[in-house]
Amino acid sequence: MSDEWLIRGASIAGGEAADIHLRDGVVAAVGRGLAAAGATVLDAGGLVALPGLVDLHTHLREPGREDAETVETGTRAAALGGYTAVHAMANTEPVADTAGVVEQVWRLGEQAGYVDVRPVGAVTVGLHGKQLAELGAMADSAARVRVFSDDGFCVADPLLMRRALEYVKAFNGVIAQHAQEPRLTEGAQLNEGEIASRLGLAGWPAAAEEAIIARDCLLAAHVGAALHVCHVSTAGSVEIIRWAKSKGWRVTAEVTPHHLLLTDDLAGDYDTRFKVNPPLRTQADVDALRQGLADGTIDCVATDHAPHPVEAKESEWAAAANGMTGLETALRVVQLAMVDTGLLDWAGVADRMSVRPAAIGRVDGHGVPIAAGAPANLALYDAAAPAVPVDPRTHASRSRNSPFAGMALPGAVVATFLRGTATVLDGKATR
């Protein structure tokens, strides 16, 4: 397949239509009426061209849980969602807490070839929250790890969290915290509130998230380190992060597509598709999250793509696994929640789903505006495509636990290019 392309008439980040010439892995030229002898021509009239999306929070499950996902299936799903880079979280089996494991994940991503895979290293050995993992060795490895997280578990010990923040300063790393005070969430099953009370499920209070975020913002300021807050879910969390940023502290945050759209009342009949950590919250929280993303308090959208085999979700609520798939629907959800509501334009989407996550994740060559000389990492999106119900059976992910199953979402990813090579064309993976 040709690696030289002439994309005609795309609206770059929602702006004026232009032609984009891709050659030798870079954007050779952008303008009107371009010519490129020998290039494959792609008619992109009516499509939005975005810099390739970057996900800070993806669970690829390999090694160890290949029944749920592999690096190959997960990255194919990512490309179909318009992504060109993803950060693979550390809760694999074995845990990605050594140079050897992160290098394995990185090499699997290189072999798959759909997106650039940047492994996230564990903060603590085995995700147990007792002893710092080999942060320096992972940073120096071939995987060049710069983001560390015990996601799925909170680094609850404040002294250990301080030491981790101090350690990663030496190589410009960032600690990404799963903010969940463990004592306040013992046995928690659903957002603390009316729905949990009616269902007889133990509540997950907003304060359990907010207390850790406040503590860690203070710690990050104290040591002058970079803190990233994973999957923010409450209105109070948005206010704490806004306050920390007003101080000039090095704090960033993400929100998931599902927390931008879904609320805890969807779990009213014990539908385990909607069981996730942190839990779905109230409409007031959703509104605050949308506003926080719109005004830049929340830096980016991250999928928290968490695939599970059927048996892990189709069980009674208390025994069901937390998590939802999201790579193939994220951009469509953001269109529905943020663009169609007027809260973000397409330039804002490019910023929140590519530019900022690439900067937070220290990913070179991604999150770069589409311009001459830039790496040819981009996605073409049809925002006018009619809303159609989501069918997880058609997804590339090995798992089917999408909370959006049956929900009509607008838009469609038409093509994705990684360094000028098409990984997706006509909405289908190229291999």
Protein backbone atom coordinates (compact mmCIF):
# COMPACT_ATOMS: atom_id res chain seq x y z
CA MET A 1 0.00 0.00 0.00
CA SER A 2 1.23 3.47 -0.89
CA ASP A 3 2.81 5.54 1.86
CA GLU A 4 2.42 8.71 -0.21
CA TRP A 5 -1.01 10.25 0.00
CA LEU A 6 -2.79 13.33 -1.21
CA ILE A 7 -5.77 13.98 1.03
CA ARG A 8 -8.08 16.40 -0.72
CA GLY A 9 -10.41 18.91 0.88
CA ALA A 10 -10.25 18.00 4.57
CA SER A 11 -11.26 20.55 7.20
CA ILE A 12 -8.18 20.77 9.41
CA ALA A 13 -9.36 20.76 13.02
CA GLY A 14 -12.68 22.14 11.84
CA GLY A 15 -11.12 25.04 9.94
CA GLU A 16 -11.04 25.78 6.24
CA ALA A 17 -10.74 22.91 3.80
CA ALA A 18 -7.27 22.15 2.49
CA ASP A 19 -5.26 19.41 0.82
CA ILE A 20 -2.71 17.46 2.86
CA HIS A 21 0.25 15.77 1.18
CA LEU A 22 1.83 12.91 3.15
CA ARG A 23 5.24 11.63 2.08
CA ASP A 24 8.10 9.81 3.80
CA GLY A 25 6.27 9.76 7.12
CA VAL A 26 5.72 13.50 7.39
CA VAL A 27 3.28 16.13 6.18
CA ALA A 28 5.03 17.36 3.03
CA ALA A 29 2.62 20.22 2.36
CA VAL A 30 -0.74 21.69 3.32
CA GLY A 31 -2.67 24.00 1.02
CA ARG A 32 -5.26 24.35 -1.69
CA GLY A 33 -4.92 22.71 -5.09
CA LEU A 34 -1.87 20.62 -4.23
CA ALA A 35 -0.49 18.16 -6.79
CA ALA A 36 1.58 15.07 -6.06
CA ALA A 37 2.42 12.80 -8.94
CA GLY A 38 2.23 9.16 -7.96
CA ALA A 39 0.47 9.77 -4.65
CA THR A 40 -2.71 7.91 -3.75
CA VAL A 41 -5.56 10.41 -3.72
CA LEU A 42 -8.12 10.29 -0.93
CA ASP A 43 -11.20 12.49 -1.25
CA ALA A 44 -11.79 13.94 2.23
CA GLY A 45 -14.42 16.53 1.35
CA GLY A 46 -16.66 17.06 4.38
CA LEU A 47 -14.27 15.28 6.74
CA VAL A 48 -12.48 16.76 9.75
CA ALA A 49 -8.71 16.15 9.87
CA LEU A 50 -7.39 15.84 13.42
CA PRO A 51 -3.88 15.16 14.66
CA GLY A 52 -3.75 11.49 15.64
CA LEU A 53 -5.46 10.98 18.97
CA VAL A 54 -3.38 10.08 22.03
CA ASP A 55 -4.81 8.03 24.90
CA LEU A 56 -3.18 8.37 28.32
CA HIS A 57 -5.11 5.47 29.83
CA THR A 58 -5.53 2.15 27.99
CA HIS A 59 -5.63 -1.36 29.42
CA LEU A 60 -4.18 -3.75 26.84
CA ARG A 61 -4.11 -6.69 29.32
CA GLU A 62 -1.07 -8.39 27.74
CA PRO A 63 0.88 -10.08 29.24
CA GLY A 64 -1.30 -12.39 31.27
CA ARG A 65 -4.91 -11.60 30.37
CA GLU A 66 -4.98 -12.30 26.67
CA ASP A 67 -8.49 -13.70 27.11
CA ALA A 68 -9.66 -10.09 27.51
CA GLU A 69 -7.33 -8.24 25.13
CA THR A 70 -3.95 -8.40 23.46
CA VAL A 71 -1.65 -5.61 22.40
CA GLU A 72 -2.56 -6.39 18.79
CA THR A 73 -6.36 -6.39 19.25
CA GLY A 74 -6.30 -3.38 21.55
CA THR A 75 -4.13 -1.29 19.27
CA ARG A 76 -6.22 -2.23 16.25
CA ALA A 77 -9.24 -0.97 18.19
CA ALA A 78 -7.30 2.21 19.00
CA ALA A 79 -6.50 2.86 15.33
CA LEU A 80 -10.16 2.36 14.44
CA GLY A 81 -10.96 5.02 17.02
CA GLY A 82 -8.57 7.53 15.42
CA TYR A 83 -5.66 6.98 17.83
CA THR A 84 -2.01 6.92 16.85
CA ALA A 85 -0.53 6.52 20.36
CA VAL A 86 -1.74 4.88 23.55
CA HIS A 87 -0.35 4.47 27.06
CA ALA A 88 -0.66 0.87 28.26
CA MET A 89 -1.45 0.66 31.97
CA ALA A 90 0.64 -1.45 34.32
CA ASN A 91 -1.93 -3.86 35.81
CA THR A 92 -0.93 -6.81 33.66
CA GLU A 93 0.08 -10.29 34.87
CA PRO A 94 2.95 -9.98 35.68
CA VAL A 95 2.65 -6.35 36.66
CA ALA A 96 4.64 -3.90 34.54
CA ASP A 97 6.93 -2.94 37.42
CA THR A 98 10.29 -3.87 35.85
CA ALA A 99 12.25 -2.89 32.78
CA GLY A 100 11.72 -6.36 31.33
CA VAL A 101 7.93 -6.22 31.36
CA VAL A 102 7.60 -2.68 30.00
CA GLU A 103 10.02 -3.53 27.22
CA GLN A 104 7.93 -6.59 26.36
CA VAL A 105 4.78 -4.46 26.05
CA TRP A 106 6.62 -1.85 23.99
CA ARG A 107 7.99 -4.46 21.59
CA LEU A 108 4.55 -6.05 21.17
CA GLY A 109 3.25 -2.63 20.19
CA GLU A 110 6.06 -2.19 17.67
CA GLN A 111 5.25 -5.58 16.15
CA ALA A 112 1.53 -4.85 15.89
CA GLY A 113 2.19 -1.55 14.12
CA TYR A 114 -1.22 0.08 14.53
CA VAL A 115 -0.26 2.78 17.05
CA ASP A 116 2.73 3.73 19.15
CA VAL A 117 2.46 1.97 22.51
CA ARG A 118 3.97 3.75 25.48
CA PRO A 119 3.96 1.48 28.55
CA VAL A 120 2.99 2.98 31.90
CA GLY A 121 5.17 1.66 34.72
CA ALA A 122 3.82 0.70 38.11
CA VAL A 123 4.59 3.08 40.96
CA THR A 124 4.91 0.27 43.50
CA VAL A 125 6.06 -3.33 43.31
CA GLY A 126 3.15 -5.53 42.31
CA LEU A 127 0.75 -2.57 42.69
CA HIS A 128 0.77 -3.40 46.41
CA GLY A 129 1.46 0.13 47.62
CA LYS A 130 4.34 -0.92 49.89
CA GLN A 131 7.61 -0.38 48.02
CA LEU A 132 8.60 1.78 45.05
CA ALA A 133 9.07 -0.15 41.82
CA GLU A 134 12.13 0.17 39.58
CA LEU A 135 11.15 3.61 38.31
CA GLY A 136 14.63 4.57 37.13
CA ALA A 137 15.25 1.26 35.36
CA MET A 138 11.94 1.55 33.51
CA ALA A 139 12.75 5.13 32.55
CA ASP A 140 16.13 4.04 31.16
CA SER A 141 14.73 0.99 29.34
CA ALA A 142 14.04 0.76 25.62
CA ALA A 143 10.43 1.65 26.44
CA ARG A 144 11.54 5.04 27.85
CA VAL A 145 8.75 5.07 30.45
CA ARG A 146 7.77 8.51 31.68
CA VAL A 147 4.32 7.91 33.18
CA PHE A 148 3.90 5.77 36.29
CA SER A 149 0.63 4.64 37.85
CA ASP A 150 -0.80 1.96 40.11
CA ASP A 151 -4.13 2.48 38.34
CA GLY A 152 -6.77 0.20 39.74
CA PHE A 153 -5.27 0.97 43.12
CA CYS A 154 -4.51 4.23 44.88
CA VAL A 155 -1.03 5.02 46.14
CA ALA A 156 -2.62 5.61 49.52
CA ASP A 157 0.53 6.02 51.65
CA PRO A 158 1.34 9.76 51.57
CA LEU A 159 5.04 9.23 52.28
CA LEU A 160 5.35 6.73 49.45
CA MET A 161 3.49 9.08 47.13
CA ARG A 162 5.84 11.91 48.06
CA ARG A 163 8.90 9.74 47.40
CA ALA A 164 7.52 8.70 43.99
CA LEU A 165 6.87 12.32 43.01
CA GLU A 166 10.39 13.28 44.08
CA TYR A 167 11.98 10.35 42.24
CA VAL A 168 10.46 11.01 38.82
CA LYS A 169 11.56 14.65 38.81
CA ALA A 170 15.05 13.49 37.83
CA PHE A 171 13.88 12.37 34.37
CA ASN A 172 10.83 14.60 33.84
CA GLY A 173 8.39 11.85 34.72
CA VAL A 174 4.83 12.08 35.98
CA ILE A 175 2.88 10.14 38.57
CA ALA A 176 -0.69 9.36 37.49
CA GLN A 177 -2.86 8.75 40.53
CA HIS A 178 -5.97 6.61 40.84
CA ALA A 179 -7.63 8.79 43.48
CA GLN A 180 -9.51 6.49 45.84
CA GLU A 181 -9.14 6.65 49.59
CA PRO A 182 -9.27 2.92 50.44
CA ARG A 183 -10.81 3.13 53.89
CA LEU A 184 -13.69 5.25 52.62
CA THR A 185 -14.44 2.83 49.79
CA GLU A 186 -14.23 -0.58 51.44
CA GLY A 187 -16.82 -2.74 49.72
CA ALA A 188 -18.05 0.21 47.62
CA GLN A 189 -20.10 -0.77 44.60
CA LEU A 190 -21.79 2.33 43.20
CA ASN A 191 -21.83 6.10 43.63
CA GLU A 192 -23.01 6.95 47.13
CA GLY A 193 -26.49 8.35 46.73
CA GLU A 194 -30.12 7.58 46.01
CA ILE A 195 -29.53 4.82 43.43
CA ALA A 196 -27.06 2.89 45.60
CA SER A 197 -29.42 3.14 48.58
CA ARG A 198 -32.36 1.87 46.55
CA LEU A 199 -30.35 -1.06 45.18
CA GLY A 200 -28.86 -1.92 48.56
CA LEU A 201 -25.29 -1.43 47.31
CA ALA A 202 -22.45 0.06 49.36
CA GLY A 203 -21.78 3.64 48.33
CA TRP A 204 -18.58 5.11 46.86
CA PRO A 205 -18.51 8.69 48.22
CA ALA A 206 -17.24 11.60 46.17
CA ALA A 207 -15.09 12.63 49.12
CA ALA A 208 -13.00 9.47 48.73
CA GLU A 209 -11.77 10.78 45.38
CA GLU A 210 -11.56 14.41 46.35
CA ALA A 211 -9.55 13.84 49.53
CA ILE A 212 -6.76 12.05 47.67
CA ILE A 213 -6.68 14.65 44.90
CA ALA A 214 -6.37 17.48 47.43
CA ARG A 215 -3.62 15.65 49.32
CA ASP A 216 -1.66 14.86 46.18
CA CYS A 217 -1.94 18.37 44.77
CA LEU A 218 -0.37 19.61 48.00
CA LEU A 219 2.38 16.98 47.79
CA ALA A 220 3.12 17.80 44.15
CA ALA A 221 3.40 21.48 45.02
CA HIS A 222 5.62 20.74 47.98
CA VAL A 223 8.18 18.81 45.96
CA GLY A 224 7.69 20.65 42.64
CA ALA A 225 6.76 17.48 40.77
CA ALA A 226 4.25 16.60 38.05
CA LEU A 227 0.99 14.98 39.15
CA HIS A 228 -1.65 13.65 36.76
CA VAL A 229 -5.09 12.74 38.10
CA CYS A 230 -6.72 9.77 36.41
CA HIS A 231 -10.43 9.54 35.52
CA VAL A 232 -11.80 12.53 37.44
CA SER A 233 -15.47 11.87 38.21
CA THR A 234 -16.91 14.46 40.62
CA ALA A 235 -17.75 18.14 40.60
CA GLY A 236 -15.71 18.61 43.77
CA SER A 237 -12.65 17.11 42.10
CA VAL A 238 -12.93 19.63 39.29
CA GLU A 239 -12.96 22.48 41.80
CA ILE A 240 -9.90 21.14 43.64
CA ILE A 241 -7.96 20.80 40.39
CA ARG A 242 -9.05 24.28 39.32
CA TRP A 243 -7.74 25.63 42.63
CA ALA A 244 -4.42 23.77 42.26
CA LYS A 245 -3.94 25.11 38.75
CA SER A 246 -4.68 28.64 39.93
CA LYS A 247 -1.60 28.26 42.16
CA GLY A 248 0.54 27.37 39.18
CA TRP A 249 1.15 23.84 40.44
CA ARG A 250 2.14 21.06 38.04
CA VAL A 251 -1.19 19.26 38.09
CA THR A 252 -3.04 17.81 35.11
CA ALA A 253 -6.18 15.71 34.88
CA GLU A 254 -8.21 13.51 32.57
CA VAL A 255 -11.87 12.58 32.20
CA THR A 256 -13.26 9.49 30.50
CA PRO A 257 -15.89 9.49 27.75
CA HIS A 258 -18.25 7.50 29.95
CA HIS A 259 -18.05 10.01 32.79
CA LEU A 260 -18.89 12.75 30.28
CA LEU A 261 -22.10 11.04 29.20
CA LEU A 262 -23.43 8.42 31.59
CA THR A 263 -24.94 8.67 35.09
CA ASP A 264 -25.44 6.28 38.00
CA ASP A 265 -29.17 5.83 37.35
CA LEU A 266 -28.27 3.58 34.40
CA ALA A 267 -27.28 0.92 36.94
CA GLY A 268 -30.82 0.90 38.32
CA ASP A 269 -31.52 -2.67 37.21
CA TYR A 270 -28.10 -4.03 38.24
CA ASP A 271 -26.77 -3.79 34.66
CA THR A 272 -23.08 -4.62 35.13
CA ARG A 273 -22.11 -2.91 31.88
CA PHE A 274 -22.29 0.25 33.95
CA LYS A 275 -20.06 -0.96 36.79
CA VAL A 276 -16.80 0.98 36.73
CA ASN A 277 -14.22 2.51 39.05
CA PRO A 278 -14.60 5.36 39.78
CA PRO A 279 -18.35 4.85 39.51
CA LEU A 280 -20.70 6.74 37.28
CA ARG A 281 -21.90 9.80 39.18
CA THR A 282 -24.84 12.22 39.00
CA GLN A 283 -25.96 14.55 36.23
CA ALA A 284 -24.57 17.47 38.25
CA ASP A 285 -21.16 15.80 38.21
CA VAL A 286 -21.42 15.16 34.46
CA ASP A 287 -22.25 18.82 33.88
CA ALA A 288 -19.25 19.93 35.98
CA LEU A 289 -16.92 17.53 34.16
CA ARG A 290 -18.04 18.83 30.79
CA GLN A 291 -17.51 22.41 31.88
CA GLY A 292 -14.11 21.55 33.36
CA LEU A 293 -13.02 19.96 30.08
CA ALA A 294 -14.37 22.92 28.12
CA ASP A 295 -12.53 25.54 30.18
CA GLY A 296 -9.29 23.55 30.35
CA THR A 297 -9.37 22.70 34.05
CA ILE A 298 -9.49 19.08 32.92
CA ASP A 299 -6.73 18.73 30.36
CA CYS A 300 -7.78 15.79 28.30
CA VAL A 301 -10.05 12.87 27.52
CA ALA A 302 -8.64 9.43 28.31
CA THR A 303 -10.60 6.28 27.57
CA ASP A 304 -9.72 4.01 30.51
CA HIS A 305 -10.42 1.25 27.98
CA ALA A 306 -10.87 -1.75 30.29
CA PRO A 307 -11.77 -4.92 28.40
CA HIS A 308 -13.10 -7.99 30.23
CA PRO A 309 -14.20 -11.44 29.06
CA VAL A 310 -17.94 -12.14 29.10
CA GLU A 311 -17.88 -14.16 32.31
CA ALA A 312 -16.27 -11.30 34.23
CA LYS A 313 -19.20 -8.96 33.51
CA GLU A 314 -22.21 -11.27 33.16
CA SER A 315 -22.59 -12.07 36.84
CA GLU A 316 -24.23 -10.62 39.93
CA TRP A 317 -23.26 -7.00 40.53
CA ALA A 318 -20.93 -7.50 43.50
CA ALA A 319 -18.89 -10.16 41.69
CA ALA A 320 -18.69 -8.36 38.33
CA ALA A 321 -15.48 -6.69 37.23
CA ASN A 322 -15.18 -2.92 37.02
CA GLY A 323 -14.52 -1.46 33.61
CA MET A 324 -15.72 -0.56 30.14
CA THR A 325 -14.28 -0.65 26.65
CA GLY A 326 -13.93 2.73 24.99
CA LEU A 327 -11.28 3.11 22.30
CA GLU A 328 -13.59 2.67 19.33
CA THR A 329 -16.33 4.98 20.63
CA ALA A 330 -14.41 7.77 22.40
CA LEU A 331 -14.41 10.35 19.62
CA ARG A 332 -18.08 9.74 18.87
CA VAL A 333 -18.97 10.21 22.55
CA VAL A 334 -16.95 13.42 22.72
CA GLN A 335 -18.78 14.71 19.66
CA LEU A 336 -22.13 14.00 21.33
CA ALA A 337 -21.21 15.33 24.78
CA MET A 338 -18.96 18.26 23.89
CA VAL A 339 -19.14 19.31 20.23
CA ASP A 340 -22.84 18.89 19.51
CA THR A 341 -23.59 20.73 22.77
CA GLY A 342 -21.39 23.67 21.75
CA LEU A 343 -18.92 23.21 24.59
CA LEU A 344 -15.93 22.44 22.34
CA ASP A 345 -15.14 23.06 18.69
CA TRP A 346 -12.99 20.66 16.67
CA ALA A 347 -9.85 22.64 17.45
CA GLY A 348 -10.71 22.09 21.11
CA VAL A 349 -11.14 18.38 20.50
CA ALA A 350 -7.71 18.25 18.83
CA ASP A 351 -6.26 19.97 21.88
CA ARG A 352 -7.96 17.75 24.49
CA MET A 353 -7.57 14.43 22.67
CA SER A 354 -4.17 14.85 21.01
CA VAL A 355 -2.08 17.90 21.89
CA ARG A 356 -2.44 17.91 25.67
CA PRO A 357 -2.34 14.14 26.29
CA ALA A 358 0.78 13.89 24.14
CA ALA A 359 2.44 16.60 26.21
CA ILE A 360 1.39 15.04 29.52
CA GLY A 361 2.56 11.60 28.39
CA ARG A 362 5.85 12.93 27.00
CA VAL A 363 5.14 11.38 23.57
CA ASP A 364 7.35 12.77 20.85
CA GLY A 365 5.93 13.04 17.35
CA HIS A 366 2.30 13.07 18.43
CA GLY A 367 -0.07 15.84 19.37
CA VAL A 368 1.48 18.05 16.68
CA PRO A 369 -0.84 20.29 14.63
CA ILE A 370 -1.25 19.24 11.00
CA ALA A 371 1.24 21.42 9.15
CA ALA A 372 4.14 21.06 6.76
CA GLY A 373 7.01 19.22 8.40
CA ALA A 374 4.89 17.60 11.12
CA PRO A 375 4.88 13.82 11.57
CA ALA A 376 2.09 12.34 9.45
CA ASN A 377 -0.01 11.12 12.38
CA LEU A 378 -3.61 12.05 11.75
CA ALA A 379 -7.22 10.90 11.65
CA LEU A 380 -10.04 11.74 9.26
CA TYR A 381 -13.45 11.94 10.91
CA ASP A 382 -16.93 12.22 9.45
CA ALA A 383 -18.81 14.31 11.99
CA ALA A 384 -21.89 14.34 9.75
CA ALA A 385 -22.23 10.57 9.66
CA PRO A 386 -25.69 9.63 10.95
CA ALA A 387 -25.97 8.38 14.51
CA VAL A 388 -26.11 4.59 14.53
CA PRO A 389 -26.43 2.20 17.49
CA VAL A 390 -23.16 0.86 18.86
CA ASP A 391 -22.71 -2.87 18.25
CA PRO A 392 -19.76 -4.21 20.29
CA ARG A 393 -19.84 -7.43 18.25
CA THR A 394 -18.33 -5.48 15.36
CA HIS A 395 -15.49 -4.03 17.44
CA ALA A 396 -11.87 -5.05 17.03
CA SER A 397 -11.42 -5.33 20.79
CA ARG A 398 -11.44 -8.90 22.04
CA SER A 399 -13.99 -7.92 24.71
CA ARG A 400 -17.55 -6.68 24.33
CA ASN A 401 -18.23 -4.80 27.57
CA SER A 402 -19.19 -1.45 26.04
CA PRO A 403 -21.57 0.69 28.10
CA PHE A 404 -22.72 2.28 24.83
CA ALA A 405 -24.09 -0.94 23.32
CA GLY A 406 -27.34 -0.09 21.56
CA MET A 407 -26.85 3.65 22.05
CA ALA A 408 -26.94 5.76 18.89
CA LEU A 409 -23.74 7.79 18.61
CA PRO A 410 -22.93 10.26 15.84
CA GLY A 411 -19.89 10.38 13.62
CA ALA A 412 -17.42 7.86 12.23
CA VAL A 413 -13.65 7.56 11.95
CA VAL A 414 -12.92 7.16 8.24
CA ALA A 415 -9.12 6.88 8.17
CA THR A 416 -6.11 6.88 10.47
CA PHE A 417 -2.48 7.39 9.46
CA LEU A 418 0.57 6.49 11.53
CA ARG A 419 3.68 8.21 10.17
CA GLY A 420 2.01 8.35 6.76
CA THR A 421 0.96 4.71 6.66
CA ALA A 422 -2.77 4.10 6.60
CA THR A 423 -3.81 1.86 9.50
CA VAL A 424 -7.52 2.50 8.84
CA LEU A 425 -9.25 3.24 5.53
CA ASP A 426 -12.99 3.50 4.88
CA GLY A 427 -13.54 2.80 8.55
CA LYS A 428 -11.77 -0.57 8.43
CA ALA A 429 -8.34 -1.68 9.63
CA THR A 430 -5.99 -2.14 6.70
CA ARG A 431 -4.73 -5.51 7.95
